[in-house]
Amino acid sequence: MINFRELLRPARTVPRTRWTANHVWDISLSGLLILFFGLTILGMGGALVVRANLGNAPWTVFAEGISIQSGLSIGTAFFLSSCLVLLLWIPLAIKPGFGTIANATYFAIVLDWALGWIDSPTSQILEYLMLLAGIACVGLGSAIYMTCGLGGGPRDGLLMGLIKRTGIRIIYIKMTMDGTALLVGYLLGGTIGVGTVLSVILYSWSVALSMTLVSQIPLAKDAS
């Protein structure tokens, strides 16, 4: 039974569920279905933020900048940026999981697919509603795919690897990573604005609250 009191309390850790794998290559049918379901929501959320035209999240600004300069689609540019980030895993001795590869590839496919049929709003109110809906979808999609336990995305893995290697607090490393992506993306022509600020502020909360929501679903309760 869902505990509605707990729904507004952000999760501190990734909850363990019935579909959480024992290791990052422990692949099951249910785990795969849930993983790709989460990544689909994540990709659609990213597309909603882009189409809101109020400014993109830092790494989407980076991908958009690459897209503008190269003529590639944003999804393809996002995939290439993911590959670049994965190269940085090598000196940190970070091992990818199935979810890592799926995040880098399938997310880019869904992002391009969603951008192909989602139109930009015709009023500013609708732009803000679309932006908030996109942020909420990104949080929910992230929470669902991360609970699969098949490995984090390229950027999440790099973040955790740098924390482990350097001992520097997460907030400073994340600010440096996001700030660098944002600056380079902006210089390449990526879109920044109020949506960028709201994304930076609200993404973490969206993911944490979505983790709580997922953990409260009765079917998610881990039998152990």
C-alpha atoms as a PDB file:
ATOM      1  CA  MET A   1       0.000   0.000   0.000  1.00  0.00           C
ATOM      2  CA  ILE A   2       1.304   3.431  -0.954  1.00  0.00           C
ATOM      3  CA  ASN A   3       2.372   5.586   2.000  1.00  0.00           C
ATOM      4  CA  PHE A   4       1.200   9.018   0.860  1.00  0.00           C
ATOM      5  CA  ARG A   5       2.969  10.731   3.758  1.00  0.00           C
ATOM      6  CA  GLU A   6       6.318   9.572   2.446  1.00  0.00           C
ATOM      7  CA  LEU A   7       5.765  10.743  -1.134  1.00  0.00           C
ATOM      8  CA  LEU A   8       6.965  14.286  -0.447  1.00  0.00           C
ATOM      9  CA  ARG A   9      10.131  13.144   1.315  1.00  0.00           C
ATOM     10  CA  PRO A  10      13.074  13.040  -1.158  1.00  0.00           C
ATOM     11  CA  ALA A  11      14.927   9.731  -1.206  1.00  0.00           C
ATOM     12  CA  ARG A  12      18.525   9.799   0.027  1.00  0.00           C
ATOM     13  CA  THR A  13      19.624   6.701  -1.840  1.00  0.00           C
ATOM     14  CA  VAL A  14      18.533   4.625  -4.811  1.00  0.00           C
ATOM     15  CA  PRO A  15      15.879   2.235  -3.437  1.00  0.00           C
ATOM     16  CA  ARG A  16      16.155  -1.502  -4.000  1.00  0.00           C
ATOM     17  CA  THR A  17      13.150  -2.992  -5.788  1.00  0.00           C
ATOM     18  CA  ARG A  18      11.983  -6.390  -7.031  1.00  0.00           C
ATOM     19  CA  TRP A  19      13.575  -5.637 -10.387  1.00  0.00           C
ATOM     20  CA  THR A  20      16.929  -4.377  -9.076  1.00  0.00           C
ATOM     21  CA  ALA A  21      19.728  -6.492 -10.552  1.00  0.00           C
ATOM     22  CA  ASN A  22      22.398  -8.074  -8.366  1.00  0.00           C
ATOM     23  CA  HIS A  23      25.115  -6.646 -10.606  1.00  0.00           C
ATOM     24  CA  VAL A  24      25.308  -4.399 -13.669  1.00  0.00           C
ATOM     25  CA  TRP A  25      25.240  -7.287 -16.157  1.00  0.00           C
ATOM     26  CA  ASP A  26      22.554  -9.345 -14.402  1.00  0.00           C
ATOM     27  CA  ILE A  27      20.031  -9.009 -17.214  1.00  0.00           C
ATOM     28  CA  SER A  28      16.430 -10.246 -16.904  1.00  0.00           C
ATOM     29  CA  LEU A  29      13.357  -9.692 -19.074  1.00  0.00           C
ATOM     30  CA  SER A  30      11.526  -7.685 -16.394  1.00  0.00           C
ATOM     31  CA  GLY A  31      14.637  -5.616 -15.725  1.00  0.00           C
ATOM     32  CA  LEU A  32      15.079  -4.831 -19.416  1.00  0.00           C
ATOM     33  CA  LEU A  33      11.445  -3.818 -19.866  1.00  0.00           C
ATOM     34  CA  ILE A  34      11.576  -1.488 -16.883  1.00  0.00           C
ATOM     35  CA  LEU A  35      14.963  -0.100 -17.916  1.00  0.00           C
ATOM     36  CA  PHE A  36      13.777   0.823 -21.404  1.00  0.00           C
ATOM     37  CA  PHE A  37      10.481   2.130 -20.036  1.00  0.00           C
ATOM     38  CA  GLY A  38      12.422   4.480 -17.766  1.00  0.00           C
ATOM     39  CA  LEU A  39      14.759   5.568 -20.561  1.00  0.00           C
ATOM     40  CA  THR A  40      11.762   6.244 -22.822  1.00  0.00           C
ATOM     41  CA  ILE A  41      10.262   8.585 -20.222  1.00  0.00           C
ATOM     42  CA  LEU A  42      13.698  10.155 -19.738  1.00  0.00           C
ATOM     43  CA  GLY A  43      14.108  10.823 -23.458  1.00  0.00           C
ATOM     44  CA  MET A  44      10.621  12.264 -23.809  1.00  0.00           C
ATOM     45  CA  GLY A  45      11.262  14.505 -20.814  1.00  0.00           C
ATOM     46  CA  GLY A  46      14.441  15.782 -22.425  1.00  0.00           C
ATOM     47  CA  ALA A  47      12.529  16.545 -25.630  1.00  0.00           C
ATOM     48  CA  LEU A  48       9.836  18.456 -23.721  1.00  0.00           C
ATOM     49  CA  VAL A  49      12.496  20.654 -22.117  1.00  0.00           C
ATOM     50  CA  VAL A  50      14.054  21.371 -25.533  1.00  0.00           C
ATOM     51  CA  ARG A  51      10.710  22.167 -27.162  1.00  0.00           C
ATOM     52  CA  ALA A  52       9.741  24.518 -24.312  1.00  0.00           C
ATOM     53  CA  ASN A  53      12.313  26.940 -25.773  1.00  0.00           C
ATOM     54  CA  LEU A  54      13.154  28.423 -22.379  1.00  0.00           C
ATOM     55  CA  GLY A  55      16.713  27.125 -22.184  1.00  0.00           C
ATOM     56  CA  ASN A  56      18.100  23.613 -21.903  1.00  0.00           C
ATOM     57  CA  ALA A  57      19.814  21.637 -19.163  1.00  0.00           C
ATOM     58  CA  PRO A  58      23.641  21.943 -19.221  1.00  0.00           C
ATOM     59  CA  TRP A  59      24.426  18.706 -21.071  1.00  0.00           C
ATOM     60  CA  THR A  60      21.608  19.294 -23.554  1.00  0.00           C
ATOM     61  CA  VAL A  61      23.066  22.760 -24.203  1.00  0.00           C
ATOM     62  CA  PHE A  62      26.366  21.000 -24.925  1.00  0.00           C
ATOM     63  CA  ALA A  63      24.702  18.506 -27.285  1.00  0.00           C
ATOM     64  CA  GLU A  64      22.717  21.272 -28.983  1.00  0.00           C
ATOM     65  CA  GLY A  65      25.909  23.240 -29.530  1.00  0.00           C
ATOM     66  CA  ILE A  66      27.541  20.219 -31.170  1.00  0.00           C
ATOM     67  CA  SER A  67      24.377  19.742 -33.244  1.00  0.00           C
ATOM     68  CA  ILE A  68      24.434  23.346 -34.460  1.00  0.00           C
ATOM     69  CA  GLN A  69      28.101  23.255 -35.402  1.00  0.00           C
ATOM     70  CA  SER A  70      28.037  19.811 -37.039  1.00  0.00           C
ATOM     71  CA  GLY A  71      24.586  19.627 -38.590  1.00  0.00           C
ATOM     72  CA  LEU A  72      23.854  16.403 -36.708  1.00  0.00           C
ATOM     73  CA  SER A  73      20.596  15.830 -34.852  1.00  0.00           C
ATOM     74  CA  ILE A  74      20.552  16.637 -31.123  1.00  0.00           C
ATOM     75  CA  GLY A  75      20.089  12.948 -30.330  1.00  0.00           C
ATOM     76  CA  THR A  76      23.150  11.974 -32.363  1.00  0.00           C
ATOM     77  CA  ALA A  77      25.143  14.800 -30.779  1.00  0.00           C
ATOM     78  CA  PHE A  78      24.043  13.602 -27.345  1.00  0.00           C
ATOM     79  CA  PHE A  79      25.242  10.092 -28.209  1.00  0.00           C
ATOM     80  CA  LEU A  80      28.634  11.431 -29.309  1.00  0.00           C
ATOM     81  CA  SER A  81      28.958  13.472 -26.116  1.00  0.00           C
ATOM     82  CA  SER A  82      28.122  10.332 -24.115  1.00  0.00           C
ATOM     83  CA  CYS A  83      30.898   8.449 -25.914  1.00  0.00           C
ATOM     84  CA  LEU A  84      33.292  11.283 -25.091  1.00  0.00           C
ATOM     85  CA  VAL A  85      32.342  11.107 -21.422  1.00  0.00           C
ATOM     86  CA  LEU A  86      32.763   7.316 -21.430  1.00  0.00           C
ATOM     87  CA  LEU A  87      36.354   7.761 -22.627  1.00  0.00           C
ATOM     88  CA  LEU A  88      36.978   9.657 -19.386  1.00  0.00           C
ATOM     89  CA  TRP A  89      35.953   6.517 -17.476  1.00  0.00           C
ATOM     90  CA  ILE A  90      39.079   4.695 -18.674  1.00  0.00           C
ATOM     91  CA  PRO A  91      41.700   6.452 -16.498  1.00  0.00           C
ATOM     92  CA  LEU A  92      39.304   6.206 -13.538  1.00  0.00           C
ATOM     93  CA  ALA A  93      38.959   2.408 -14.042  1.00  0.00           C
ATOM     94  CA  ILE A  94      35.154   2.640 -14.028  1.00  0.00           C
ATOM     95  CA  LYS A  95      33.362  -0.369 -15.493  1.00  0.00           C
ATOM     96  CA  PRO A  96      30.152   0.245 -17.481  1.00  0.00           C
ATOM     97  CA  GLY A  97      27.037  -1.869 -17.143  1.00  0.00           C
ATOM     98  CA  PHE A  98      24.259  -2.736 -19.554  1.00  0.00           C
ATOM     99  CA  GLY A  99      22.298   0.306 -18.344  1.00  0.00           C
ATOM    100  CA  THR A 100      25.251   2.538 -19.160  1.00  0.00           C
ATOM    101  CA  ILE A 101      25.291   1.431 -22.794  1.00  0.00           C
ATOM    102  CA  ALA A 102      21.491   1.596 -23.040  1.00  0.00           C
ATOM    103  CA  ASN A 103      21.484   5.096 -21.579  1.00  0.00           C
ATOM    104  CA  ALA A 104      24.041   6.328 -24.099  1.00  0.00           C
ATOM    105  CA  THR A 105      22.305   4.812 -27.139  1.00  0.00           C
ATOM    106  CA  TYR A 106      18.579   4.329 -26.537  1.00  0.00           C
ATOM    107  CA  PHE A 107      18.116   7.700 -24.814  1.00  0.00           C
ATOM    108  CA  ALA A 108      19.546   9.455 -27.898  1.00  0.00           C
ATOM    109  CA  ILE A 109      17.155   7.524 -30.160  1.00  0.00           C
ATOM    110  CA  VAL A 110      14.106   8.421 -28.052  1.00  0.00           C
ATOM    111  CA  LEU A 111      15.203  12.061 -27.827  1.00  0.00           C
ATOM    112  CA  ASP A 112      15.352  12.419 -31.616  1.00  0.00           C
ATOM    113  CA  TRP A 113      12.091  10.493 -32.029  1.00  0.00           C
ATOM    114  CA  ALA A 114      10.247  12.696 -29.533  1.00  0.00           C
ATOM    115  CA  LEU A 115      11.659  15.907 -30.985  1.00  0.00           C
ATOM    116  CA  GLY A 116      10.272  14.780 -34.343  1.00  0.00           C
ATOM    117  CA  TRP A 117       6.636  14.996 -33.233  1.00  0.00           C
ATOM    118  CA  ILE A 118       6.510  17.281 -30.181  1.00  0.00           C
ATOM    119  CA  ASP A 119       5.758  20.859 -31.243  1.00  0.00           C
ATOM    120  CA  SER A 120       6.742  24.007 -29.368  1.00  0.00           C
ATOM    121  CA  PRO A 121       3.965  25.699 -27.345  1.00  0.00           C
ATOM    122  CA  THR A 122       2.131  28.750 -28.666  1.00  0.00           C
ATOM    123  CA  SER A 123       2.082  30.707 -25.397  1.00  0.00           C
ATOM    124  CA  GLN A 124       4.512  31.449 -22.577  1.00  0.00           C
ATOM    125  CA  ILE A 125       2.303  29.744 -19.997  1.00  0.00           C
ATOM    126  CA  LEU A 126       2.352  26.548 -22.038  1.00  0.00           C
ATOM    127  CA  GLU A 127       6.118  26.874 -22.424  1.00  0.00           C
ATOM    128  CA  TYR A 128       6.569  26.866 -18.647  1.00  0.00           C
ATOM    129  CA  LEU A 129       4.112  23.996 -18.214  1.00  0.00           C
ATOM    130  CA  MET A 130       5.993  21.983 -20.851  1.00  0.00           C
ATOM    131  CA  LEU A 131       9.307  22.777 -19.170  1.00  0.00           C
ATOM    132  CA  LEU A 132       8.058  21.609 -15.752  1.00  0.00           C
ATOM    133  CA  ALA A 133       6.485  18.505 -17.304  1.00  0.00           C
ATOM    134  CA  GLY A 134       9.809  17.742 -18.977  1.00  0.00           C
ATOM    135  CA  ILE A 135      11.744  18.129 -15.728  1.00  0.00           C
ATOM    136  CA  ALA A 136       9.243  15.853 -13.966  1.00  0.00           C
ATOM    137  CA  CYS A 137       9.592  13.210 -16.711  1.00  0.00           C
ATOM    138  CA  VAL A 138      13.384  13.386 -16.561  1.00  0.00           C
ATOM    139  CA  GLY A 139      13.226  12.818 -12.805  1.00  0.00           C
ATOM    140  CA  LEU A 140      10.796   9.918 -13.084  1.00  0.00           C
ATOM    141  CA  GLY A 141      12.635   8.294 -15.981  1.00  0.00           C
ATOM    142  CA  SER A 142      15.959   8.616 -14.161  1.00  0.00           C
ATOM    143  CA  ALA A 143      14.523   7.081 -11.000  1.00  0.00           C
ATOM    144  CA  ILE A 144      13.035   4.127 -12.887  1.00  0.00           C
ATOM    145  CA  TYR A 145      16.154   3.272 -14.891  1.00  0.00           C
ATOM    146  CA  MET A 146      18.508   3.753 -11.935  1.00  0.00           C
ATOM    147  CA  THR A 147      16.514   1.357  -9.735  1.00  0.00           C
ATOM    148  CA  CYS A 148      17.236  -1.385 -12.278  1.00  0.00           C
ATOM    149  CA  GLY A 149      20.782  -1.542 -10.925  1.00  0.00           C
ATOM    150  CA  LEU A 150      22.289  -2.086 -14.386  1.00  0.00           C
ATOM    151  CA  GLY A 151      24.703   0.835 -14.218  1.00  0.00           C
ATOM    152  CA  GLY A 152      24.325   4.591 -14.326  1.00  0.00           C
ATOM    153  CA  GLY A 153      24.568   6.769 -17.395  1.00  0.00           C
ATOM    154  CA  PRO A 154      27.900   8.092 -18.664  1.00  0.00           C
ATOM    155  CA  ARG A 155      27.690  11.365 -16.740  1.00  0.00           C
ATOM    156  CA  ASP A 156      26.463   9.817 -13.483  1.00  0.00           C
ATOM    157  CA  GLY A 157      29.229   7.227 -13.641  1.00  0.00           C
ATOM    158  CA  LEU A 158      31.883   9.873 -14.255  1.00  0.00           C
ATOM    159  CA  LEU A 159      30.547  11.898 -11.341  1.00  0.00           C
ATOM    160  CA  MET A 160      30.730   8.964  -8.938  1.00  0.00           C
ATOM    161  CA  GLY A 161      34.144   7.922 -10.269  1.00  0.00           C
ATOM    162  CA  LEU A 162      35.594  11.389  -9.692  1.00  0.00           C
ATOM    163  CA  ILE A 163      34.139  11.516  -6.188  1.00  0.00           C
ATOM    164  CA  LYS A 164      35.710   8.176  -5.338  1.00  0.00           C
ATOM    165  CA  ARG A 165      39.082   9.073  -6.854  1.00  0.00           C
ATOM    166  CA  THR A 166      39.421  12.657  -5.569  1.00  0.00           C
ATOM    167  CA  GLY A 167      37.379  12.733  -2.367  1.00  0.00           C
ATOM    168  CA  ILE A 168      35.985  16.124  -3.398  1.00  0.00           C
ATOM    169  CA  ARG A 169      32.382  16.807  -2.386  1.00  0.00           C
ATOM    170  CA  ILE A 170      29.723  15.887  -4.926  1.00  0.00           C
ATOM    171  CA  ILE A 171      28.344  19.419  -5.229  1.00  0.00           C
ATOM    172  CA  TYR A 172      31.717  20.821  -6.365  1.00  0.00           C
ATOM    173  CA  ILE A 173      32.373  18.083  -8.913  1.00  0.00           C
ATOM    174  CA  LYS A 174      28.837  18.256 -10.310  1.00  0.00           C
ATOM    175  CA  MET A 175      28.992  22.051 -10.559  1.00  0.00           C
ATOM    176  CA  THR A 176      32.308  21.806 -12.403  1.00  0.00           C
ATOM    177  CA  MET A 177      31.042  19.148 -14.825  1.00  0.00           C
ATOM    178  CA  ASP A 178      27.737  20.889 -15.533  1.00  0.00           C
ATOM    179  CA  GLY A 179      29.340  24.319 -15.674  1.00  0.00           C
ATOM    180  CA  THR A 180      31.933  23.176 -18.213  1.00  0.00           C
ATOM    181  CA  ALA A 181      29.286  21.508 -20.400  1.00  0.00           C
ATOM    182  CA  LEU A 182      27.095  24.605 -20.172  1.00  0.00           C
ATOM    183  CA  LEU A 183      29.887  27.034 -21.063  1.00  0.00           C
ATOM    184  CA  VAL A 184      31.203  25.007 -24.008  1.00  0.00           C
ATOM    185  CA  GLY A 185      27.676  24.357 -25.256  1.00  0.00           C
ATOM    186  CA  TYR A 186      26.784  28.038 -25.039  1.00  0.00           C
ATOM    187  CA  LEU A 187      29.922  29.045 -26.947  1.00  0.00           C
ATOM    188  CA  LEU A 188      28.930  26.531 -29.633  1.00  0.00           C
ATOM    189  CA  GLY A 189      25.475  28.124 -29.921  1.00  0.00           C
ATOM    190  CA  GLY A 190      23.399  26.107 -27.442  1.00  0.00           C
ATOM    191  CA  THR A 191      20.277  27.632 -25.906  1.00  0.00           C
ATOM    192  CA  ILE A 192      20.361  28.883 -22.325  1.00  0.00           C
ATOM    193  CA  GLY A 193      17.709  30.757 -20.374  1.00  0.00           C
ATOM    194  CA  VAL A 194      15.397  30.536 -17.400  1.00  0.00           C
ATOM    195  CA  GLY A 195      14.798  26.895 -18.268  1.00  0.00           C
ATOM    196  CA  THR A 196      18.485  26.217 -17.756  1.00  0.00           C
ATOM    197  CA  VAL A 197      18.356  27.691 -14.253  1.00  0.00           C
ATOM    198  CA  LEU A 198      15.180  25.790 -13.361  1.00  0.00           C
ATOM    199  CA  SER A 199      16.648  22.568 -14.727  1.00  0.00           C
ATOM    200  CA  VAL A 200      19.765  22.900 -12.579  1.00  0.00           C
ATOM    201  CA  ILE A 201      17.682  23.679  -9.487  1.00  0.00           C
ATOM    202  CA  LEU A 202      14.836  21.196  -9.975  1.00  0.00           C
ATOM    203  CA  TYR A 203      16.421  18.134 -11.621  1.00  0.00           C
ATOM    204  CA  SER A 204      17.935  16.764  -8.427  1.00  0.00           C
ATOM    205  CA  TRP A 205      14.698  17.261  -6.506  1.00  0.00           C
ATOM    206  CA  SER A 206      12.708  15.664  -9.308  1.00  0.00           C
ATOM    207  CA  VAL A 207      14.922  12.571  -9.270  1.00  0.00           C
ATOM    208  CA  ALA A 208      14.902  12.291  -5.455  1.00  0.00           C
ATOM    209  CA  LEU A 209      11.111  12.637  -5.186  1.00  0.00           C
ATOM    210  CA  SER A 210      10.627  10.174  -8.054  1.00  0.00           C
ATOM    211  CA  MET A 211      12.857   7.683  -6.231  1.00  0.00           C
ATOM    212  CA  THR A 212      10.500   7.975  -3.267  1.00  0.00           C
ATOM    213  CA  LEU A 213       7.483   7.486  -5.540  1.00  0.00           C
ATOM    214  CA  VAL A 214       8.952   4.383  -7.174  1.00  0.00           C
ATOM    215  CA  SER A 215       9.883   2.885  -3.804  1.00  0.00           C
ATOM    216  CA  GLN A 216       6.292   3.295  -2.586  1.00  0.00           C
ATOM    217  CA  ILE A 217       4.736   1.329  -5.456  1.00  0.00           C
ATOM    218  CA  PRO A 218       3.579  -1.996  -3.952  1.00  0.00           C
ATOM    219  CA  LEU A 219       4.985  -4.045  -6.859  1.00  0.00           C
ATOM    220  CA  ALA A 220       8.380  -2.399  -6.289  1.00  0.00           C
ATOM    221  CA  LYS A 221       8.763  -3.725  -2.747  1.00  0.00           C
ATOM    222  CA  ASP A 222      11.750  -5.997  -2.517  1.00  0.00           C
ATOM    223  CA  ALA A 223      10.808  -9.359  -1.086  1.00  0.00           C
ATOM    224  CA  SER A 224      14.103  -9.534   0.790  1.00  0.00           C
END
